[in-house]
Amino acid sequence: MTIDDPDAPLVERAQRGDMQAFEMLVVKYQRRVERLIARMLRDVDLVADVAQDTFLRAYRALPGFRGESAFYTWLYRIAVNTTKRHMSRLQRDLLVSESTLESGDGDQELFRPSATLSDGVTPESQLAAKELAQAVSAAVDGLAEDFRRALLLREVDGMSYEEIAELLGCPVGTVRSRIFRAREAVAAQLRPLLGTRGGDRW
C-alpha cells in the first residue's frame, strides 16, 4: 500500500486469498455502497443485485489494486461504473421497473423534513412536509451529475472536502465550488415553496 489506509491490513490479507478478510470489507462497506447505488439507480428492487455485482467485480480486480488510493475510493469507482452499466442495460432494453414508476422516494429518505416535525403534527403539516421532501428530491435530481454527487457525499455521507476530492479525482477547490453551486441551485428551487429570499438558507 502506498497511502495511509486503515483498510490496508484487510486488503493485503484478501489479496493473499483470505476470504474472511474480504468478507469483513464487504460487511464494512455494504450499506454505503448500497446507498450510493440507490441514489444513482433509483430502483430499490435492483440495488442488492448491483451491490453484489460491485463486490464481485472488486474481488476479481483485487489482485490489481496497488493502494494508490484508499480502498473505499477504489470500491466507490467500481460501484459507480457497475451501476452505470446496469443503467445502460436497462435503457437499452427499454425496461422500467414498476417500483421506479410508483415510488419517487429515492433521496426523500436522505432529506426528510418530516423527521423533525413536532409531536403535534397535523394532516396539513404532514402534507407540506411531504411536498417539501419531494421538492428537495426533485431539485437534487435536477443537478448536473458532478454537482449532485459532490453534494450528496458531503450532506449525506458526511465526507470532508478532502475525502470528496480524492474520491472524485479533482482539486478541493473544485469540490467546494460544486457543493456551493449545488446548494444554491437547490435553494433557488425551494425559495418559492418556502417563501424565502435570495441568500436565505434552506
C-alpha atoms as a PDB file:
ATOM      1  CA  MET A   1       0.000   0.000   0.000  1.00  0.00           C
ATOM      2  CA  THR A   2       1.327   3.459  -0.862  1.00  0.00           C
ATOM      3  CA  ILE A   3      -1.034   5.596   1.245  1.00  0.00           C
ATOM      4  CA  ASP A   4      -2.188   5.550   4.849  1.00  0.00           C
ATOM      5  CA  ASP A   5      -5.348   3.450   4.542  1.00  0.00           C
ATOM      6  CA  PRO A   6      -6.940   1.851   7.628  1.00  0.00           C
ATOM      7  CA  ASP A   7      -8.229  -0.925   5.378  1.00  0.00           C
ATOM      8  CA  ALA A   8      -4.721  -1.842   4.214  1.00  0.00           C
ATOM      9  CA  PRO A   9      -4.256  -4.882   6.517  1.00  0.00           C
ATOM     10  CA  LEU A  10      -7.575  -6.417   5.450  1.00  0.00           C
ATOM     11  CA  VAL A  11      -6.928  -5.648   1.787  1.00  0.00           C
ATOM     12  CA  GLU A  12      -3.480  -7.245   1.914  1.00  0.00           C
ATOM     13  CA  ARG A  13      -4.900 -10.357   3.575  1.00  0.00           C
ATOM     14  CA  ALA A  14      -7.688 -10.532   0.994  1.00  0.00           C
ATOM     15  CA  GLN A  15      -5.138 -10.221  -1.808  1.00  0.00           C
ATOM     16  CA  ARG A  16      -3.341 -13.243  -0.355  1.00  0.00           C
ATOM     17  CA  GLY A  17      -6.570 -15.240  -0.651  1.00  0.00           C
ATOM     18  CA  ASP A  18      -8.069 -14.708   2.805  1.00  0.00           C
ATOM     19  CA  MET A  19     -11.802 -14.794   2.062  1.00  0.00           C
ATOM     20  CA  GLN A  20     -12.721 -13.846   5.627  1.00  0.00           C
ATOM     21  CA  ALA A  21     -10.758 -10.608   5.249  1.00  0.00           C
ATOM     22  CA  PHE A  22     -12.661  -9.737   2.085  1.00  0.00           C
ATOM     23  CA  GLU A  23     -15.955 -10.603   3.757  1.00  0.00           C
ATOM     24  CA  MET A  24     -15.081  -8.147   6.534  1.00  0.00           C
ATOM     25  CA  LEU A  25     -14.559  -5.438   3.920  1.00  0.00           C
ATOM     26  CA  VAL A  26     -17.942  -6.292   2.400  1.00  0.00           C
ATOM     27  CA  VAL A  27     -19.635  -6.046   5.800  1.00  0.00           C
ATOM     28  CA  LYS A  28     -17.920  -2.716   6.479  1.00  0.00           C
ATOM     29  CA  TYR A  29     -18.910  -1.065   3.207  1.00  0.00           C
ATOM     30  CA  GLN A  30     -22.058  -2.842   2.037  1.00  0.00           C
ATOM     31  CA  ARG A  31     -24.511  -0.254   3.362  1.00  0.00           C
ATOM     32  CA  ARG A  32     -22.504   2.670   1.985  1.00  0.00           C
ATOM     33  CA  VAL A  33     -22.255   1.005  -1.415  1.00  0.00           C
ATOM     34  CA  GLU A  34     -25.970   0.231  -1.430  1.00  0.00           C
ATOM     35  CA  ARG A  35     -26.834   3.853  -0.533  1.00  0.00           C
ATOM     36  CA  LEU A  36     -24.642   5.069  -3.375  1.00  0.00           C
ATOM     37  CA  ILE A  37     -26.242   2.667  -5.842  1.00  0.00           C
ATOM     38  CA  ALA A  38     -29.757   3.556  -4.651  1.00  0.00           C
ATOM     39  CA  ARG A  39     -29.107   7.254  -5.274  1.00  0.00           C
ATOM     40  CA  MET A  40     -27.964   6.538  -8.822  1.00  0.00           C
ATOM     41  CA  LEU A  41     -30.302   3.721  -9.811  1.00  0.00           C
ATOM     42  CA  ARG A  42     -33.494   4.816  -8.044  1.00  0.00           C
ATOM     43  CA  ASP A  43     -34.881   1.266  -8.240  1.00  0.00           C
ATOM     44  CA  VAL A  44     -34.844  -0.454  -4.849  1.00  0.00           C
ATOM     45  CA  ASP A  45     -35.503  -3.846  -6.446  1.00  0.00           C
ATOM     46  CA  LEU A  46     -32.142  -3.794  -8.218  1.00  0.00           C
ATOM     47  CA  VAL A  47     -29.905  -2.288  -5.532  1.00  0.00           C
ATOM     48  CA  ALA A  48     -28.929  -5.594  -3.904  1.00  0.00           C
ATOM     49  CA  ASP A  49     -28.095  -7.186  -7.256  1.00  0.00           C
ATOM     50  CA  VAL A  50     -25.935  -4.265  -8.352  1.00  0.00           C
ATOM     51  CA  ALA A  51     -24.184  -4.183  -4.975  1.00  0.00           C
ATOM     52  CA  GLN A  52     -23.435  -7.901  -5.249  1.00  0.00           C
ATOM     53  CA  ASP A  53     -22.089  -7.349  -8.760  1.00  0.00           C
ATOM     54  CA  THR A  54     -19.955  -4.486  -7.443  1.00  0.00           C
ATOM     55  CA  PHE A  55     -18.317  -6.603  -4.763  1.00  0.00           C
ATOM     56  CA  LEU A  56     -17.832  -9.477  -7.193  1.00  0.00           C
ATOM     57  CA  ARG A  57     -16.059  -7.160  -9.630  1.00  0.00           C
ATOM     58  CA  ALA A  58     -13.991  -5.734  -6.782  1.00  0.00           C
ATOM     59  CA  TYR A  59     -12.938  -9.214  -5.686  1.00  0.00           C
ATOM     60  CA  ARG A  60     -11.893 -10.149  -9.205  1.00  0.00           C
ATOM     61  CA  ALA A  61      -9.971  -6.886  -9.604  1.00  0.00           C
ATOM     62  CA  LEU A  62      -8.392  -7.014  -6.144  1.00  0.00           C
ATOM     63  CA  PRO A  63      -5.080  -8.554  -7.281  1.00  0.00           C
ATOM     64  CA  GLY A  64      -4.513  -5.458  -9.398  1.00  0.00           C
ATOM     65  CA  PHE A  65      -5.223  -2.996  -6.570  1.00  0.00           C
ATOM     66  CA  ARG A  66      -1.945  -1.225  -5.758  1.00  0.00           C
ATOM     67  CA  GLY A  67      -3.067   1.058  -2.966  1.00  0.00           C
ATOM     68  CA  GLU A  68      -2.651   4.265  -4.969  1.00  0.00           C
ATOM     69  CA  SER A  69      -5.938   5.418  -3.434  1.00  0.00           C
ATOM     70  CA  ALA A  70      -7.880   4.402  -0.346  1.00  0.00           C
ATOM     71  CA  PHE A  71      -9.691   1.085  -0.716  1.00  0.00           C
ATOM     72  CA  TYR A  72     -13.107   2.743  -0.424  1.00  0.00           C
ATOM     73  CA  THR A  73     -12.189   5.277  -3.117  1.00  0.00           C
ATOM     74  CA  TRP A  74     -11.327   2.382  -5.406  1.00  0.00           C
ATOM     75  CA  LEU A  75     -14.502   0.487  -4.425  1.00  0.00           C
ATOM     76  CA  TYR A  76     -16.617   3.629  -4.929  1.00  0.00           C
ATOM     77  CA  ARG A  77     -15.422   3.934  -8.517  1.00  0.00           C
ATOM     78  CA  ILE A  78     -16.225   0.294  -9.191  1.00  0.00           C
ATOM     79  CA  ALA A  79     -19.715   0.798  -7.737  1.00  0.00           C
ATOM     80  CA  VAL A  80     -20.334   3.868  -9.906  1.00  0.00           C
ATOM     81  CA  ASN A  81     -19.139   2.127 -13.074  1.00  0.00           C
ATOM     82  CA  THR A  82     -21.089  -1.034 -12.288  1.00  0.00           C
ATOM     83  CA  THR A  83     -24.272   0.965 -11.672  1.00  0.00           C
ATOM     84  CA  LYS A  84     -23.820   2.894 -14.907  1.00  0.00           C
ATOM     85  CA  ARG A  85     -23.513  -0.380 -16.799  1.00  0.00           C
ATOM     86  CA  HIS A  86     -26.760  -1.623 -15.283  1.00  0.00           C
ATOM     87  CA  MET A  87     -28.480   1.676 -16.118  1.00  0.00           C
ATOM     88  CA  SER A  88     -27.299   1.470 -19.716  1.00  0.00           C
ATOM     89  CA  ARG A  89     -28.587  -2.087 -19.952  1.00  0.00           C
ATOM     90  CA  LEU A  90     -31.994  -1.024 -18.626  1.00  0.00           C
ATOM     91  CA  GLN A  91     -32.203   1.838 -21.091  1.00  0.00           C
ATOM     92  CA  ARG A  92     -31.111  -0.364 -23.953  1.00  0.00           C
ATOM     93  CA  ASP A  93     -33.743  -2.963 -23.160  1.00  0.00           C
ATOM     94  CA  LEU A  94     -36.385  -0.274 -22.510  1.00  0.00           C
ATOM     95  CA  LEU A  95     -37.141  -1.787 -19.129  1.00  0.00           C
ATOM     96  CA  VAL A  96     -38.584   0.464 -16.466  1.00  0.00           C
ATOM     97  CA  SER A  97     -39.323  -1.294 -13.209  1.00  0.00           C
ATOM     98  CA  GLU A  98     -42.679  -0.836 -11.518  1.00  0.00           C
ATOM     99  CA  SER A  99     -41.034   0.371  -8.337  1.00  0.00           C
ATOM    100  CA  THR A 100     -39.319   3.221 -10.200  1.00  0.00           C
ATOM    101  CA  LEU A 101     -42.634   4.373 -11.631  1.00  0.00           C
ATOM    102  CA  GLU A 102     -44.612   4.072  -8.424  1.00  0.00           C
ATOM    103  CA  SER A 103     -42.121   5.262  -5.813  1.00  0.00           C
ATOM    104  CA  GLY A 104     -40.316   8.505  -6.375  1.00  0.00           C
ATOM    105  CA  ASP A 105     -38.847   8.215  -2.887  1.00  0.00           C
ATOM    106  CA  GLY A 106     -35.135   7.962  -3.612  1.00  0.00           C
ATOM    107  CA  ASP A 107     -33.423  10.843  -1.905  1.00  0.00           C
ATOM    108  CA  GLN A 108     -36.547  11.786   0.052  1.00  0.00           C
ATOM    109  CA  GLU A 109     -35.174   9.368   2.623  1.00  0.00           C
ATOM    110  CA  LEU A 110     -31.992  11.408   2.637  1.00  0.00           C
ATOM    111  CA  PHE A 111     -33.662  14.797   3.020  1.00  0.00           C
ATOM    112  CA  ARG A 112     -36.658  14.171   5.243  1.00  0.00           C
ATOM    113  CA  PRO A 113     -38.142  17.347   6.732  1.00  0.00           C
ATOM    114  CA  SER A 114     -40.958  15.298   8.273  1.00  0.00           C
ATOM    115  CA  ALA A 115     -38.410  13.669  10.567  1.00  0.00           C
ATOM    116  CA  THR A 116     -38.150  16.918  12.512  1.00  0.00           C
ATOM    117  CA  LEU A 117     -41.850  17.587  12.905  1.00  0.00           C
ATOM    118  CA  SER A 118     -43.167  18.036  16.422  1.00  0.00           C
ATOM    119  CA  ASP A 119     -45.483  15.523  18.058  1.00  0.00           C
ATOM    120  CA  GLY A 120     -48.443  17.754  17.283  1.00  0.00           C
ATOM    121  CA  VAL A 121     -48.338  17.252  13.549  1.00  0.00           C
ATOM    122  CA  THR A 122     -51.467  17.884  11.530  1.00  0.00           C
ATOM    123  CA  PRO A 123     -52.507  16.429   8.182  1.00  0.00           C
ATOM    124  CA  GLU A 124     -51.722  19.826   6.668  1.00  0.00           C
ATOM    125  CA  SER A 125     -48.199  19.891   8.111  1.00  0.00           C
ATOM    126  CA  GLN A 126     -47.584  16.312   7.021  1.00  0.00           C
ATOM    127  CA  LEU A 127     -48.683  17.179   3.501  1.00  0.00           C
ATOM    128  CA  ALA A 128     -46.476  20.264   3.495  1.00  0.00           C
ATOM    129  CA  ALA A 129     -43.514  18.201   4.693  1.00  0.00           C
ATOM    130  CA  LYS A 130     -44.135  15.607   2.006  1.00  0.00           C
ATOM    131  CA  GLU A 131     -44.330  18.298  -0.664  1.00  0.00           C
ATOM    132  CA  LEU A 132     -41.110  19.842   0.624  1.00  0.00           C
ATOM    133  CA  ALA A 133     -39.345  16.460   0.588  1.00  0.00           C
ATOM    134  CA  GLN A 134     -40.499  15.914  -2.986  1.00  0.00           C
ATOM    135  CA  ALA A 135     -39.295  19.374  -3.956  1.00  0.00           C
ATOM    136  CA  VAL A 136     -35.870  18.776  -2.410  1.00  0.00           C
ATOM    137  CA  SER A 137     -35.598  15.384  -4.117  1.00  0.00           C
ATOM    138  CA  ALA A 138     -36.588  16.869  -7.472  1.00  0.00           C
ATOM    139  CA  ALA A 139     -34.142  19.752  -7.051  1.00  0.00           C
ATOM    140  CA  VAL A 140     -31.278  17.387  -6.219  1.00  0.00           C
ATOM    141  CA  ASP A 141     -32.214  15.082  -9.099  1.00  0.00           C
ATOM    142  CA  GLY A 142     -32.118  18.070 -11.445  1.00  0.00           C
ATOM    143  CA  LEU A 143     -28.493  18.876 -10.642  1.00  0.00           C
ATOM    144  CA  ALA A 144     -25.694  18.017 -13.022  1.00  0.00           C
ATOM    145  CA  GLU A 145     -24.197  14.667 -12.038  1.00  0.00           C
ATOM    146  CA  ASP A 146     -20.901  16.167 -10.787  1.00  0.00           C
ATOM    147  CA  PHE A 147     -22.756  18.647  -8.588  1.00  0.00           C
ATOM    148  CA  ARG A 148     -25.249  16.068  -7.277  1.00  0.00           C
ATOM    149  CA  ARG A 149     -22.553  13.551  -6.390  1.00  0.00           C
ATOM    150  CA  ALA A 150     -20.425  16.109  -4.537  1.00  0.00           C
ATOM    151  CA  LEU A 151     -23.443  17.456  -2.626  1.00  0.00           C
ATOM    152  CA  LEU A 152     -24.643  14.012  -1.534  1.00  0.00           C
ATOM    153  CA  LEU A 153     -21.178  12.894  -0.471  1.00  0.00           C
ATOM    154  CA  ARG A 154     -20.965  15.993   1.722  1.00  0.00           C
ATOM    155  CA  GLU A 155     -24.509  16.245   3.084  1.00  0.00           C
ATOM    156  CA  VAL A 156     -25.497  12.575   3.239  1.00  0.00           C
ATOM    157  CA  ASP A 157     -22.259  10.637   3.684  1.00  0.00           C
ATOM    158  CA  GLY A 158     -20.682  13.386   5.792  1.00  0.00           C
ATOM    159  CA  MET A 159     -17.346  13.285   3.974  1.00  0.00           C
ATOM    160  CA  SER A 160     -14.777  16.040   4.271  1.00  0.00           C
ATOM    161  CA  TYR A 161     -13.920  18.190   1.257  1.00  0.00           C
ATOM    162  CA  GLU A 162     -10.544  16.457   1.095  1.00  0.00           C
ATOM    163  CA  GLU A 163     -12.125  12.984   1.061  1.00  0.00           C
ATOM    164  CA  ILE A 164     -14.554  14.023  -1.672  1.00  0.00           C
ATOM    165  CA  ALA A 165     -11.712  15.495  -3.723  1.00  0.00           C
ATOM    166  CA  GLU A 166      -9.805  12.218  -3.527  1.00  0.00           C
ATOM    167  CA  LEU A 167     -12.901  10.215  -4.348  1.00  0.00           C
ATOM    168  CA  LEU A 168     -13.839  12.313  -7.368  1.00  0.00           C
ATOM    169  CA  GLY A 169     -10.278  12.900  -8.523  1.00  0.00           C
ATOM    170  CA  CYS A 170     -10.438  16.686  -8.552  1.00  0.00           C
ATOM    171  CA  PRO A 171      -8.981  19.603  -6.510  1.00  0.00           C
ATOM    172  CA  VAL A 172     -10.534  20.555  -3.173  1.00  0.00           C
ATOM    173  CA  GLY A 173     -11.375  23.975  -4.598  1.00  0.00           C
ATOM    174  CA  THR A 174     -13.421  22.333  -7.335  1.00  0.00           C
ATOM    175  CA  VAL A 175     -15.295  20.284  -4.747  1.00  0.00           C
ATOM    176  CA  ARG A 176     -16.109  23.398  -2.702  1.00  0.00           C
ATOM    177  CA  SER A 177     -17.313  25.183  -5.835  1.00  0.00           C
ATOM    178  CA  ARG A 178     -19.516  22.286  -6.921  1.00  0.00           C
ATOM    179  CA  ILE A 179     -21.098  21.951  -3.492  1.00  0.00           C
ATOM    180  CA  PHE A 180     -21.683  25.705  -3.209  1.00  0.00           C
ATOM    181  CA  ARG A 181     -23.293  25.849  -6.647  1.00  0.00           C
ATOM    182  CA  ALA A 182     -25.358  22.727  -5.924  1.00  0.00           C
ATOM    183  CA  ARG A 183     -26.674  24.233  -2.680  1.00  0.00           C
ATOM    184  CA  GLU A 184     -27.522  27.473  -4.456  1.00  0.00           C
ATOM    185  CA  ALA A 185     -29.357  25.617  -7.210  1.00  0.00           C
ATOM    186  CA  VAL A 186     -31.388  23.597  -4.708  1.00  0.00           C
ATOM    187  CA  ALA A 187     -32.124  26.715  -2.659  1.00  0.00           C
ATOM    188  CA  ALA A 188     -33.348  28.527  -5.759  1.00  0.00           C
ATOM    189  CA  GLN A 189     -35.829  25.716  -6.392  1.00  0.00           C
ATOM    190  CA  LEU A 190     -37.068  25.767  -2.794  1.00  0.00           C
ATOM    191  CA  ARG A 191     -37.441  29.530  -2.277  1.00  0.00           C
ATOM    192  CA  PRO A 192     -40.875  29.793  -3.931  1.00  0.00           C
ATOM    193  CA  LEU A 193     -42.132  26.941  -1.760  1.00  0.00           C
ATOM    194  CA  LEU A 194     -40.591  28.238   1.461  1.00  0.00           C
ATOM    195  CA  GLY A 195     -41.162  31.907   0.784  1.00  0.00           C
ATOM    196  CA  THR A 196     -37.517  32.755   1.469  1.00  0.00           C
ATOM    197  CA  ARG A 197     -35.416  35.399  -0.184  1.00  0.00           C
ATOM    198  CA  GLY A 198     -32.196  35.011  -2.127  1.00  0.00           C
ATOM    199  CA  GLY A 199     -29.318  34.471   0.278  1.00  0.00           C
ATOM    200  CA  ASP A 200     -31.504  32.791   2.927  1.00  0.00           C
ATOM    201  CA  ARG A 201     -30.525  29.306   3.994  1.00  0.00           C
ATOM    202  CA  TRP A 202     -32.852  26.439   3.051  1.00  0.00           C
END
